PDB file of N, CA and C in Angstrom:
ATOM      1  N   MET A   1       1.180  -0.581  -0.020  1.00  0.00           N
ATOM      2  CA  MET A   1       0.284  -0.123  -0.397  1.00  0.00           C
ATOM      3  C   MET A   1       0.483   0.916   0.280  1.00  0.00           C
ATOM      4  N   ALA A   2       0.388   2.149  -0.907  1.00  0.00           N
ATOM      5  CA  ALA A   2       1.629   3.191  -0.803  1.00  0.00           C
ATOM      6  C   ALA A   2       0.611   4.653  -0.562  1.00  0.00           C
ATOM      7  N   ILE A   3       1.419   5.355   0.500  1.00  0.00           N
ATOM      8  CA  ILE A   3       0.727   6.182   1.282  1.00  0.00           C
ATOM      9  C   ILE A   3       1.165   7.650   1.288  1.00  0.00           C
ATOM     10  N   PHE A   4       0.313   8.597   0.624  1.00  0.00           N
ATOM     11  CA  PHE A   4       0.519   9.865   0.363  1.00  0.00           C
ATOM     12  C   PHE A   4       0.290  10.715   2.150  1.00  0.00           C
ATOM     13  N   TYR A   5       1.464  11.090   2.314  1.00  0.00           N
ATOM     14  CA  TYR A   5       1.310  11.752   4.133  1.00  0.00           C
ATOM     15  C   TYR A   5       1.657  13.698   3.681  1.00  0.00           C
ATOM     16  N   VAL A   6       0.410  14.373   3.803  1.00  0.00           N
ATOM     17  CA  VAL A   6       0.137  15.743   3.444  1.00  0.00           C
ATOM     18  C   VAL A   6       0.508  16.206   4.921  1.00  0.00           C
ATOM     19  N   PRO A   7       1.750  16.965   4.396  1.00  0.00           N
ATOM     20  CA  PRO A   7       2.811  18.008   5.589  1.00  0.00           C
ATOM     21  C   PRO A   7       1.796  18.714   5.729  1.00  0.00           C
ATOM     22  N   THR A   8       2.767  18.545   7.763  1.00  0.00           N
ATOM     23  CA  THR A   8       2.013  19.338   8.851  1.00  0.00           C
ATOM     24  C   THR A   8       1.521  20.695   8.430  1.00  0.00           C
ATOM     25  N   ASP A   9       2.780  21.319   7.967  1.00  0.00           N
ATOM     26  CA  ASP A   9       3.294  22.639   7.873  1.00  0.00           C
ATOM     27  C   ASP A   9       2.463  22.927   6.597  1.00  0.00           C
ATOM     28  N   GLY A  10       1.547  23.783   6.079  1.00  0.00           N
ATOM     29  CA  GLY A  10       1.287  23.962   5.169  1.00  0.00           C
ATOM     30  C   GLY A  10      -0.482  25.236   5.202  1.00  0.00           C
ATOM     31  N   PRO A  11      -0.814  25.550   4.049  1.00  0.00           N
ATOM     32  CA  PRO A  11      -2.396  26.063   4.539  1.00  0.00           C
ATOM     33  C   PRO A  11      -2.923  25.512   4.589  1.00  0.00           C
ATOM     34  N   LEU A  12      -4.037  26.023   4.655  1.00  0.00           N
ATOM     35  CA  LEU A  12      -5.542  25.277   5.114  1.00  0.00           C
ATOM     36  C   LEU A  12      -6.034  24.468   4.289  1.00  0.00           C
ATOM     37  N   ILE A  13      -6.010  23.403   4.099  1.00  0.00           N
ATOM     38  CA  ILE A  13      -7.607  22.623   3.495  1.00  0.00           C
ATOM     39  C   ILE A  13      -8.653  23.364   3.633  1.00  0.00           C
ATOM     40  N   ALA A  14      -9.496  24.352   3.043  1.00  0.00           N
ATOM     41  CA  ALA A  14     -10.227  24.602   3.193  1.00  0.00           C
ATOM     42  C   ALA A  14     -11.526  24.968   2.356  1.00  0.00           C
ATOM     43  N   THR A  15     -10.525  24.620   0.926  1.00  0.00           N
ATOM     44  CA  THR A  15     -11.780  24.193  -0.387  1.00  0.00           C
ATOM     45  C   THR A  15     -11.597  22.790  -0.995  1.00  0.00           C
ATOM     46  N   GLU A  16     -12.880  22.727  -1.559  1.00  0.00           N
ATOM     47  CA  GLU A  16     -12.687  21.915  -2.540  1.00  0.00           C
ATOM     48  C   GLU A  16     -11.810  21.802  -3.399  1.00  0.00           C
ATOM     49  N   ASP A  17     -11.727  22.183  -4.128  1.00  0.00           N
ATOM     50  CA  ASP A  17     -10.078  22.990  -5.147  1.00  0.00           C
ATOM     51  C   ASP A  17      -8.947  22.351  -4.524  1.00  0.00           C
ATOM     52  N   HIS A  18      -8.809  22.797  -3.023  1.00  0.00           N
ATOM     53  CA  HIS A  18      -7.260  22.293  -2.068  1.00  0.00           C
ATOM     54  C   HIS A  18      -7.497  20.543  -1.858  1.00  0.00           C
ATOM     55  N   GLY A  19      -9.006  20.454  -1.962  1.00  0.00           N
ATOM     56  CA  GLY A  19      -9.321  18.511  -1.942  1.00  0.00           C
ATOM     57  C   GLY A  19      -9.044  17.961  -3.184  1.00  0.00           C
ATOM     58  N   ARG A  20      -9.422  18.811  -4.616  1.00  0.00           N
ATOM     59  CA  ARG A  20      -8.516  18.189  -5.612  1.00  0.00           C
ATOM     60  C   ARG A  20      -7.231  17.778  -6.024  1.00  0.00           C
ATOM     61  N   ASP A  21      -6.998  19.162  -5.446  1.00  0.00           N
ATOM     62  CA  ASP A  21      -5.091  19.373  -5.489  1.00  0.00           C
ATOM     63  C   ASP A  21      -4.423  18.155  -5.128  1.00  0.00           C
ATOM     64  N   LEU A  22      -4.708  17.320  -3.375  1.00  0.00           N
ATOM     65  CA  LEU A  22      -4.685  16.705  -2.740  1.00  0.00           C
ATOM     66  C   LEU A  22      -4.671  15.525  -3.424  1.00  0.00           C
ATOM     67  N   ILE A  23      -5.755  14.922  -4.121  1.00  0.00           N
ATOM     68  CA  ILE A  23      -5.908  14.011  -5.036  1.00  0.00           C
ATOM     69  C   ILE A  23      -4.888  13.938  -5.845  1.00  0.00           C
ATOM     70  N   GLY A  24      -5.119  15.166  -6.732  1.00  0.00           N
ATOM     71  CA  GLY A  24      -3.919  14.952  -7.563  1.00  0.00           C
ATOM     72  C   GLY A  24      -2.625  14.561  -7.206  1.00  0.00           C
ATOM     73  N   GLU A  25      -2.341  15.029  -6.112  1.00  0.00           N
ATOM     74  CA  GLU A  25      -0.761  14.870  -5.540  1.00  0.00           C
ATOM     75  C   GLU A  25      -1.013  13.034  -5.234  1.00  0.00           C
ATOM     76  N   ALA A  26      -2.057  12.541  -4.617  1.00  0.00           N
ATOM     77  CA  ALA A  26      -2.125  12.010  -4.299  1.00  0.00           C
ATOM     78  C   ALA A  26      -1.968  10.110  -5.297  1.00  0.00           C
ATOM     79  N   PHE A  27      -2.473  11.236  -6.702  1.00  0.00           N
ATOM     80  CA  PHE A  27      -2.246  10.018  -7.618  1.00  0.00           C
ATOM     81  C   PHE A  27      -0.704  10.337  -8.390  1.00  0.00           C
ATOM     82  N   ALA A  28       0.185  11.090  -8.357  1.00  0.00           N
ATOM     83  CA  ALA A  28       1.269  11.166  -8.711  1.00  0.00           C
ATOM     84  C   ALA A  28       2.263  11.093  -7.877  1.00  0.00           C
ATOM     85  N   SER A  29       1.846  10.441  -6.797  1.00  0.00           N
ATOM     86  CA  SER A  29       2.484   9.633  -6.002  1.00  0.00           C
ATOM     87  C   SER A  29       2.173   7.970  -5.456  1.00  0.00           C
ATOM     88  N   ALA A  30       1.198   8.067  -7.036  1.00  0.00           N
ATOM     89  CA  ALA A  30       0.215   6.346  -6.806  1.00  0.00           C
ATOM     90  C   ALA A  30       0.112   5.573  -5.300  1.00  0.00           C
ATOM     91  N   ALA A  31      -0.348   7.024  -4.745  1.00  0.00           N
ATOM     92  CA  ALA A  31      -0.938   7.035  -3.360  1.00  0.00           C
ATOM     93  C   ALA A  31      -2.197   5.935  -3.287  1.00  0.00           C
ATOM     94  N   ASP A  32      -3.068   4.961  -2.553  1.00  0.00           N
ATOM     95  CA  ASP A  32      -3.739   4.731  -2.271  1.00  0.00           C
ATOM     96  C   ASP A  32      -4.546   4.933  -0.554  1.00  0.00           C
ATOM     97  N   LEU A  33      -3.698   5.590   0.188  1.00  0.00           N
ATOM     98  CA  LEU A  33      -4.290   6.099   1.094  1.00  0.00           C
ATOM     99  C   LEU A  33      -3.561   7.324   1.506  1.00  0.00           C
ATOM    100  N   VAL A  34      -4.841   8.231   1.992  1.00  0.00           N
ATOM    101  CA  VAL A  34      -3.803   9.823   2.098  1.00  0.00           C
ATOM    102  C   VAL A  34      -4.134   9.862   3.519  1.00  0.00           C
ATOM    103  N   VAL A  35      -2.963  10.383   3.975  1.00  0.00           N
ATOM    104  CA  VAL A  35      -2.735  11.168   5.313  1.00  0.00           C
ATOM    105  C   VAL A  35      -3.088  12.560   5.404  1.00  0.00           C
ATOM    106  N   ILE A  36      -3.718  12.651   6.877  1.00  0.00           N
ATOM    107  CA  ILE A  36      -3.984  14.137   6.609  1.00  0.00           C
ATOM    108  C   ILE A  36      -4.356  14.439   7.751  1.00  0.00           C
ATOM    109  N   PRO A  37      -3.184  15.072   8.129  1.00  0.00           N
ATOM    110  CA  PRO A  37      -3.040  16.133   9.607  1.00  0.00           C
ATOM    111  C   PRO A  37      -4.589  16.753  10.085  1.00  0.00           C
ATOM    112  N   ALA A  38      -4.991  16.536  10.788  1.00  0.00           N
ATOM    113  CA  ALA A  38      -6.241  17.406  11.295  1.00  0.00           C
ATOM    114  C   ALA A  38      -6.579  18.729  11.776  1.00  0.00           C
ATOM    115  N   ALA A  39      -4.791  19.245  11.963  1.00  0.00           N
ATOM    116  CA  ALA A  39      -4.509  20.842  12.285  1.00  0.00           C
ATOM    117  C   ALA A  39      -4.731  21.449   9.936  1.00  0.00           C
ATOM    118  N   ARG A  40      -4.566  20.547   9.394  1.00  0.00           N
ATOM    119  CA  ARG A  40      -4.435  21.047   8.642  1.00  0.00           C
ATOM    120  C   ARG A  40      -5.435  21.694   7.482  1.00  0.00           C
ATOM    121  N   LEU A  41      -6.887  20.820   8.423  1.00  0.00           N
ATOM    122  CA  LEU A  41      -8.156  20.856   7.768  1.00  0.00           C
ATOM    123  C   LEU A  41      -9.184  22.307   8.877  1.00  0.00           C
ATOM    124  N   SER A  42      -9.272  22.967   7.539  1.00  0.00           N
ATOM    125  CA  SER A  42     -10.467  24.587   8.177  1.00  0.00           C
ATOM    126  C   SER A  42     -11.084  24.217   9.210  1.00  0.00           C
ATOM    127  N   PRO A  43     -11.521  24.898   9.961  1.00  0.00           N
ATOM    128  CA  PRO A  43     -12.580  24.639  10.781  1.00  0.00           C
ATOM    129  C   PRO A  43     -14.104  24.546  10.083  1.00  0.00           C
ATOM    130  N   GLU A  44     -14.107  25.046   9.208  1.00  0.00           N
ATOM    131  CA  GLU A  44     -15.348  24.977   8.078  1.00  0.00           C
ATOM    132  C   GLU A  44     -15.911  23.091   8.181  1.00  0.00           C
ATOM    133  N   PHE A  45     -14.729  22.596   7.990  1.00  0.00           N
ATOM    134  CA  PHE A  45     -14.606  20.945   7.540  1.00  0.00           C
ATOM    135  C   PHE A  45     -15.554  20.448   8.452  1.00  0.00           C
ATOM    136  N   PHE A  46     -15.197  20.930   9.803  1.00  0.00           N
ATOM    137  CA  PHE A  46     -15.882  20.448  11.244  1.00  0.00           C
ATOM    138  C   PHE A  46     -17.333  20.774  11.849  1.00  0.00           C
ATOM    139  N   ARG A  47     -17.602  21.587  10.851  1.00  0.00           N
ATOM    140  CA  ARG A  47     -18.912  22.168  10.975  1.00  0.00           C
ATOM    141  C   ARG A  47     -19.365  21.268   9.088  1.00  0.00           C
ATOM    142  N   LEU A  48     -20.136  20.333   9.761  1.00  0.00           N
ATOM    143  CA  LEU A  48     -20.618  19.331   8.900  1.00  0.00           C
ATOM    144  C   LEU A  48     -22.282  20.209   8.359  1.00  0.00           C
ATOM    145  N   GLY A  49     -22.783  21.054   8.351  1.00  0.00           N
ATOM    146  CA  GLY A  49     -23.400  22.292   7.736  1.00  0.00           C
ATOM    147  C   GLY A  49     -22.883  22.668   6.992  1.00  0.00           C
ATOM    148  N   SER A  50     -21.557  23.099   6.614  1.00  0.00           N
ATOM    149  CA  SER A  50     -20.656  23.980   5.450  1.00  0.00           C
ATOM    150  C   SER A  50     -20.951  23.518   4.313  1.00  0.00           C
ATOM    151  N   GLY A  51     -21.224  21.814   4.829  1.00  0.00           N
ATOM    152  CA  GLY A  51     -20.731  20.597   3.399  1.00  0.00           C
ATOM    153  C   GLY A  51     -19.597  20.395   2.914  1.00  0.00           C
ATOM    154  N   LEU A  52     -18.267  21.069   3.523  1.00  0.00           N
ATOM    155  CA  LEU A  52     -17.247  20.927   3.137  1.00  0.00           C
ATOM    156  C   LEU A  52     -16.821  19.574   3.431  1.00  0.00           C
ATOM    157  N   ALA A  53     -16.944  18.769   4.251  1.00  0.00           N
ATOM    158  CA  ALA A  53     -15.910  17.411   4.321  1.00  0.00           C
ATOM    159  C   ALA A  53     -17.016  16.432   3.621  1.00  0.00           C
ATOM    160  N   GLY A  54     -18.234  16.342   3.677  1.00  0.00           N
ATOM    161  CA  GLY A  54     -18.746  15.592   2.414  1.00  0.00           C
ATOM    162  C   GLY A  54     -18.417  16.280   1.222  1.00  0.00           C
ATOM    163  N   ALA A  55     -18.338  17.202   0.944  1.00  0.00           N
ATOM    164  CA  ALA A  55     -17.424  17.603  -0.724  1.00  0.00           C
ATOM    165  C   ALA A  55     -16.387  16.741  -0.655  1.00  0.00           C
ATOM    166  N   ILE A  56     -15.194  16.945  -0.016  1.00  0.00           N
ATOM    167  CA  ILE A  56     -14.454  16.988  -0.372  1.00  0.00           C
ATOM    168  C   ILE A  56     -13.955  14.757  -0.196  1.00  0.00           C
ATOM    169  N   LEU A  57     -14.381  14.419   0.734  1.00  0.00           N
ATOM    170  CA  LEU A  57     -14.443  13.075   1.749  1.00  0.00           C
ATOM    171  C   LEU A  57     -15.142  12.122  -0.075  1.00  0.00           C
ATOM    172  N   GLN A  58     -16.349  12.937  -0.396  1.00  0.00           N
ATOM    173  CA  GLN A  58     -16.468  12.269  -1.353  1.00  0.00           C
ATOM    174  C   GLN A  58     -15.966  12.188  -3.050  1.00  0.00           C
ATOM    175  N   LYS A  59     -15.171  13.285  -2.973  1.00  0.00           N
ATOM    176  CA  LYS A  59     -14.450  13.165  -4.076  1.00  0.00           C
ATOM    177  C   LYS A  59     -12.975  12.158  -3.455  1.00  0.00           C
ATOM    178  N   PHE A  60     -12.943  12.206  -2.876  1.00  0.00           N
ATOM    179  CA  PHE A  60     -11.774  10.943  -2.780  1.00  0.00           C
ATOM    180  C   PHE A  60     -12.395   9.687  -2.597  1.00  0.00           C
ATOM    181  N   THR A  61     -13.456   9.548  -2.140  1.00  0.00           N
ATOM    182  CA  THR A  61     -14.462   7.807  -2.864  1.00  0.00           C
ATOM    183  C   THR A  61     -14.535   8.013  -3.967  1.00  0.00           C
ATOM    184  N   ASN A  62     -15.141   9.105  -4.490  1.00  0.00           N
ATOM    185  CA  ASN A  62     -15.045   8.668  -5.790  1.00  0.00           C
ATOM    186  C   ASN A  62     -13.412   8.014  -6.830  1.00  0.00           C
ATOM    187  N   TYR A  63     -12.498   8.732  -6.154  1.00  0.00           N
ATOM    188  CA  TYR A  63     -11.335   8.418  -6.764  1.00  0.00           C
ATOM    189  C   TYR A  63     -10.523   6.947  -5.966  1.00  0.00           C
ATOM    190  N   GLN A  64     -11.680   6.368  -5.160  1.00  0.00           N
ATOM    191  CA  GLN A  64     -11.186   5.344  -4.687  1.00  0.00           C
ATOM    192  C   GLN A  64     -10.018   5.047  -4.028  1.00  0.00           C
ATOM    193  N   LEU A  65     -10.043   6.445  -3.307  1.00  0.00           N
ATOM    194  CA  LEU A  65      -8.764   7.360  -2.481  1.00  0.00           C
ATOM    195  C   LEU A  65      -9.248   6.691  -0.968  1.00  0.00           C
ATOM    196  N   ARG A  66      -8.197   5.751   0.413  1.00  0.00           N
ATOM    197  CA  ARG A  66      -8.534   6.150   1.170  1.00  0.00           C
ATOM    198  C   ARG A  66      -8.224   7.558   1.811  1.00  0.00           C
ATOM    199  N   VAL A  67      -8.781   7.598   3.011  1.00  0.00           N
ATOM    200  CA  VAL A  67      -8.244   8.705   3.572  1.00  0.00           C
ATOM    201  C   VAL A  67      -8.339   8.719   5.242  1.00  0.00           C
ATOM    202  N   ALA A  68      -6.754   8.897   6.019  1.00  0.00           N
ATOM    203  CA  ALA A  68      -6.744   9.137   7.742  1.00  0.00           C
ATOM    204  C   ALA A  68      -6.944  10.515   7.679  1.00  0.00           C
ATOM    205  N   ILE A  69      -7.317  10.820   9.169  1.00  0.00           N
ATOM    206  CA  ILE A  69      -7.939  12.152   9.390  1.00  0.00           C
ATOM    207  C   ILE A  69      -6.782  12.503  11.016  1.00  0.00           C
ATOM    208  N   VAL A  70      -5.255  12.524  10.844  1.00  0.00           N
ATOM    209  CA  VAL A  70      -5.100  12.278  11.753  1.00  0.00           C
ATOM    210  C   VAL A  70      -4.667  13.201  12.900  1.00  0.00           C
ATOM    211  N   GLY A  71      -5.100  13.202  14.259  1.00  0.00           N
ATOM    212  CA  GLY A  71      -4.883  14.400  15.116  1.00  0.00           C
ATOM    213  C   GLY A  71      -6.185  14.660  16.064  1.00  0.00           C
ATOM    214  N   ASP A  72      -6.331  15.307  16.809  1.00  0.00           N
ATOM    215  CA  ASP A  72      -7.523  15.781  18.080  1.00  0.00           C
ATOM    216  C   ASP A  72      -7.967  16.572  17.532  1.00  0.00           C
ATOM    217  N   ILE A  73      -9.403  16.124  17.276  1.00  0.00           N
ATOM    218  CA  ILE A  73     -10.366  16.917  16.819  1.00  0.00           C
ATOM    219  C   ILE A  73     -11.937  17.117  17.878  1.00  0.00           C
ATOM    220  N   SER A  74     -11.236  16.629  19.303  1.00  0.00           N
ATOM    221  CA  SER A  74     -12.354  16.473  20.364  1.00  0.00           C
ATOM    222  C   SER A  74     -12.677  17.863  20.643  1.00  0.00           C
ATOM    223  N   ALA A  75     -12.611  18.929  20.093  1.00  0.00           N
ATOM    224  CA  ALA A  75     -12.647  20.125  20.419  1.00  0.00           C
ATOM    225  C   ALA A  75     -14.201  20.866  19.288  1.00  0.00           C
ATOM    226  N   TYR A  76     -13.652  20.025  18.318  1.00  0.00           N
ATOM    227  CA  TYR A  76     -15.296  19.529  17.252  1.00  0.00           C
ATOM    228  C   TYR A  76     -16.246  18.897  17.516  1.00  0.00           C
ATOM    229  N   THR A  77     -15.818  17.553  18.454  1.00  0.00           N
ATOM    230  CA  THR A  77     -16.483  16.502  18.158  1.00  0.00           C
ATOM    231  C   THR A  77     -17.688  16.774  19.889  1.00  0.00           C
ATOM    232  N   GLU A  78     -16.772  16.998  20.602  1.00  0.00           N
ATOM    233  CA  GLU A  78     -17.582  17.437  21.815  1.00  0.00           C
ATOM    234  C   GLU A  78     -18.620  18.775  21.569  1.00  0.00           C
ATOM    235  N   LYS A  79     -18.567  19.348  20.670  1.00  0.00           N
ATOM    236  CA  LYS A  79     -19.853  20.547  20.200  1.00  0.00           C
ATOM    237  C   LYS A  79     -20.883  19.840  19.852  1.00  0.00           C
ATOM    238  N   SER A  80     -20.176  18.934  19.027  1.00  0.00           N
ATOM    239  CA  SER A  80     -21.455  18.778  17.713  1.00  0.00           C
ATOM    240  C   SER A  80     -21.357  17.145  17.873  1.00  0.00           C
ATOM    241  N   ALA A  81     -22.682  17.135  18.488  1.00  0.00           N
ATOM    242  CA  ALA A  81     -23.850  15.288  17.982  1.00  0.00           C
ATOM    243  C   ALA A  81     -23.586  14.865  16.678  1.00  0.00           C
ATOM    244  N   PRO A  82     -24.050  15.337  15.902  1.00  0.00           N
ATOM    245  CA  PRO A  82     -23.993  15.101  14.531  1.00  0.00           C
ATOM    246  C   PRO A  82     -22.317  14.692  13.947  1.00  0.00           C
ATOM    247  N   LEU A  83     -21.491  15.611  14.147  1.00  0.00           N
ATOM    248  CA  LEU A  83     -19.888  15.159  13.653  1.00  0.00           C
ATOM    249  C   LEU A  83     -19.770  13.863  14.709  1.00  0.00           C
ATOM    250  N   ARG A  84     -20.304  13.503  16.116  1.00  0.00           N
ATOM    251  CA  ARG A  84     -19.691  12.696  16.862  1.00  0.00           C
ATOM    252  C   ARG A  84     -20.162  11.369  15.597  1.00  0.00           C
ATOM    253  N   ASP A  85     -21.198  11.784  14.959  1.00  0.00           N
ATOM    254  CA  ASP A  85     -21.887  10.596  14.733  1.00  0.00           C
ATOM    255  C   ASP A  85     -21.048  10.398  13.058  1.00  0.00           C
ATOM    256  N   PHE A  86     -20.678  11.098  12.394  1.00  0.00           N
ATOM    257  CA  PHE A  86     -20.226  11.602  11.006  1.00  0.00           C
ATOM    258  C   PHE A  86     -19.120  10.617  11.061  1.00  0.00           C
ATOM    259  N   VAL A  87     -18.173  10.701  12.519  1.00  0.00           N
ATOM    260  CA  VAL A  87     -17.231  10.129  12.633  1.00  0.00           C
ATOM    261  C   VAL A  87     -16.901   8.625  13.279  1.00  0.00           C
ATOM    262  N   ALA A  88     -17.648   8.115  14.107  1.00  0.00           N
ATOM    263  CA  ALA A  88     -18.098   6.991  14.256  1.00  0.00           C
ATOM    264  C   ALA A  88     -18.579   6.324  13.126  1.00  0.00           C
ATOM    265  N   GLU A  89     -19.354   6.671  12.211  1.00  0.00           N
ATOM    266  CA  GLU A  89     -19.960   5.836  11.152  1.00  0.00           C
ATOM    267  C   GLU A  89     -18.805   5.773   9.933  1.00  0.00           C
ATOM    268  N   SER A  90     -17.988   6.738   9.766  1.00  0.00           N
ATOM    269  CA  SER A  90     -16.850   6.810   9.094  1.00  0.00           C
ATOM    270  C   SER A  90     -15.451   6.207   9.414  1.00  0.00           C
ATOM    271  N   ASN A  91     -15.052   5.545  10.945  1.00  0.00           N
ATOM    272  CA  ASN A  91     -14.463   4.990  11.288  1.00  0.00           C
ATOM    273  C   ASN A  91     -15.118   3.420  10.777  1.00  0.00           C
ATOM    274  N   ARG A  92     -16.359   3.210  11.069  1.00  0.00           N
ATOM    275  CA  ARG A  92     -17.000   1.611  10.735  1.00  0.00           C
ATOM    276  C   ARG A  92     -17.082   1.294   9.187  1.00  0.00           C
ATOM    277  N   ARG A  93     -17.123   2.198   8.658  1.00  0.00           N
ATOM    278  CA  ARG A  93     -16.737   1.724   7.054  1.00  0.00           C
ATOM    279  C   ARG A  93     -15.881   1.532   6.658  1.00  0.00           C
ATOM    280  N   GLY A  94     -14.497   2.559   7.318  1.00  0.00           N
ATOM    281  CA  GLY A  94     -13.675   2.142   6.972  1.00  0.00           C
ATOM    282  C   GLY A  94     -12.619   3.396   6.194  1.00  0.00           C
ATOM    283  N   ASP A  95     -13.071   3.818   4.446  1.00  0.00           N
ATOM    284  CA  ASP A  95     -12.880   4.335   3.420  1.00  0.00           C
ATOM    285  C   ASP A  95     -12.140   5.701   4.322  1.00  0.00           C
ATOM    286  N   VAL A  96     -12.513   6.028   4.968  1.00  0.00           N
ATOM    287  CA  VAL A  96     -12.262   7.330   6.136  1.00  0.00           C
ATOM    288  C   VAL A  96     -12.258   7.511   7.423  1.00  0.00           C
ATOM    289  N   ARG A  97     -11.022   6.808   7.948  1.00  0.00           N
ATOM    290  CA  ARG A  97     -11.062   7.157   9.063  1.00  0.00           C
ATOM    291  C   ARG A  97     -10.599   8.110  10.109  1.00  0.00           C
ATOM    292  N   PHE A  98     -10.870   8.156  11.051  1.00  0.00           N
ATOM    293  CA  PHE A  98     -10.317   9.672  11.877  1.00  0.00           C
ATOM    294  C   PHE A  98      -9.852   9.246  13.394  1.00  0.00           C
ATOM    295  N   LEU A  99      -8.252   9.178  13.240  1.00  0.00           N
ATOM    296  CA  LEU A  99      -7.373   9.086  14.006  1.00  0.00           C
ATOM    297  C   LEU A  99      -7.038   9.864  15.012  1.00  0.00           C
ATOM    298  N   ALA A 100      -6.795   9.818  16.305  1.00  0.00           N
ATOM    299  CA  ALA A 100      -6.293  10.442  17.115  1.00  0.00           C
ATOM    300  C   ALA A 100      -4.589  10.315  17.105  1.00  0.00           C
ATOM    301  N   SER A 101      -3.726   9.441  16.816  1.00  0.00           N
ATOM    302  CA  SER A 101      -2.585   9.488  16.560  1.00  0.00           C
ATOM    303  C   SER A 101      -2.299   8.542  15.861  1.00  0.00           C
ATOM    304  N   ALA A 102      -1.050   8.641  14.997  1.00  0.00           N
ATOM    305  CA  ALA A 102      -0.874   7.742  13.836  1.00  0.00           C
ATOM    306  C   ALA A 102       0.707   6.386  14.107  1.00  0.00           C
ATOM    307  N   SER A 103       0.982   7.118  15.077  1.00  0.00           N
ATOM    308  CA  SER A 103       1.832   6.122  16.049  1.00  0.00           C
ATOM    309  C   SER A 103       1.577   5.077  16.890  1.00  0.00           C
ATOM    310  N   GLY A 104       2.513   3.965  16.784  1.00  0.00           N
ATOM    311  CA  GLY A 104       2.432   2.921  18.010  1.00  0.00           C
ATOM    312  C   GLY A 104       1.735   1.846  16.569  1.00  0.00           C
ATOM    313  N   PRO A 105       1.670   0.685  17.112  1.00  0.00           N
ATOM    314  CA  PRO A 105       1.379  -0.693  16.429  1.00  0.00           C
ATOM    315  C   PRO A 105      -0.365  -0.355  16.392  1.00  0.00           C
ATOM    316  N   ASN A 106      -0.810   0.026  17.342  1.00  0.00           N
ATOM    317  CA  ASN A 106      -2.450  -0.107  16.937  1.00  0.00           C
ATOM    318  C   ASN A 106      -3.087   1.423  16.857  1.00  0.00           C
ATOM    319  N   PRO A 107      -2.352   2.414  15.838  1.00  0.00           N
ATOM    320  CA  PRO A 107      -2.979   3.133  16.241  1.00  0.00           C
ATOM    321  C   PRO A 107      -4.891   3.657  16.665  1.00  0.00           C
ATOM    322  N   ARG A 108      -4.692   5.036  17.727  1.00  0.00           N
ATOM    323  CA  ARG A 108      -5.950   4.891  18.443  1.00  0.00           C
ATOM    324  C   ARG A 108      -7.556   5.142  17.377  1.00  0.00           C
ATOM    325  N   ILE A 109      -8.071   4.981  17.369  1.00  0.00           N
ATOM    326  CA  ILE A 109      -9.300   5.472  15.881  1.00  0.00           C
ATOM    327  C   ILE A 109     -10.832   5.954  17.120  1.00  0.00           C
ATOM    328  N   LEU A 110     -10.922   6.981  16.712  1.00  0.00           N
ATOM    329  CA  LEU A 110     -11.836   7.857  17.472  1.00  0.00           C
ATOM    330  C   LEU A 110     -13.403   7.725  16.922  1.00  0.00           C
ATOM    331  N   GLY A 111     -14.041   7.821  17.762  1.00  0.00           N
ATOM    332  CA  GLY A 111     -15.582   7.468  17.803  1.00  0.00           C
ATOM    333  C   GLY A 111     -16.205   6.875  18.470  1.00  0.00           C
TER     334      GLY A 111
END
């Protein structure tokens, strides 16, 4: 499995175009999985009503790329039951995973 790691440093991923750019980079790397630091995602991504998360993640799914969003998102999930449900459902399905960290033999799955 080839993994494309989005750098920790860089501008926020805040638009659908940013998501498409990541897909292009993942394909250029022949990746099957894209690892995105949660800190790189715009706060709007975590506000489900904005539609940003759905739009970006659907594009990854359409291109058959798996996604791991890694980092502490508790500030968002504590305030939003729908987001908690979305995270839990995503982790159950497996194409999109939310992980507290990617270190260690068994990364801790959120949700």
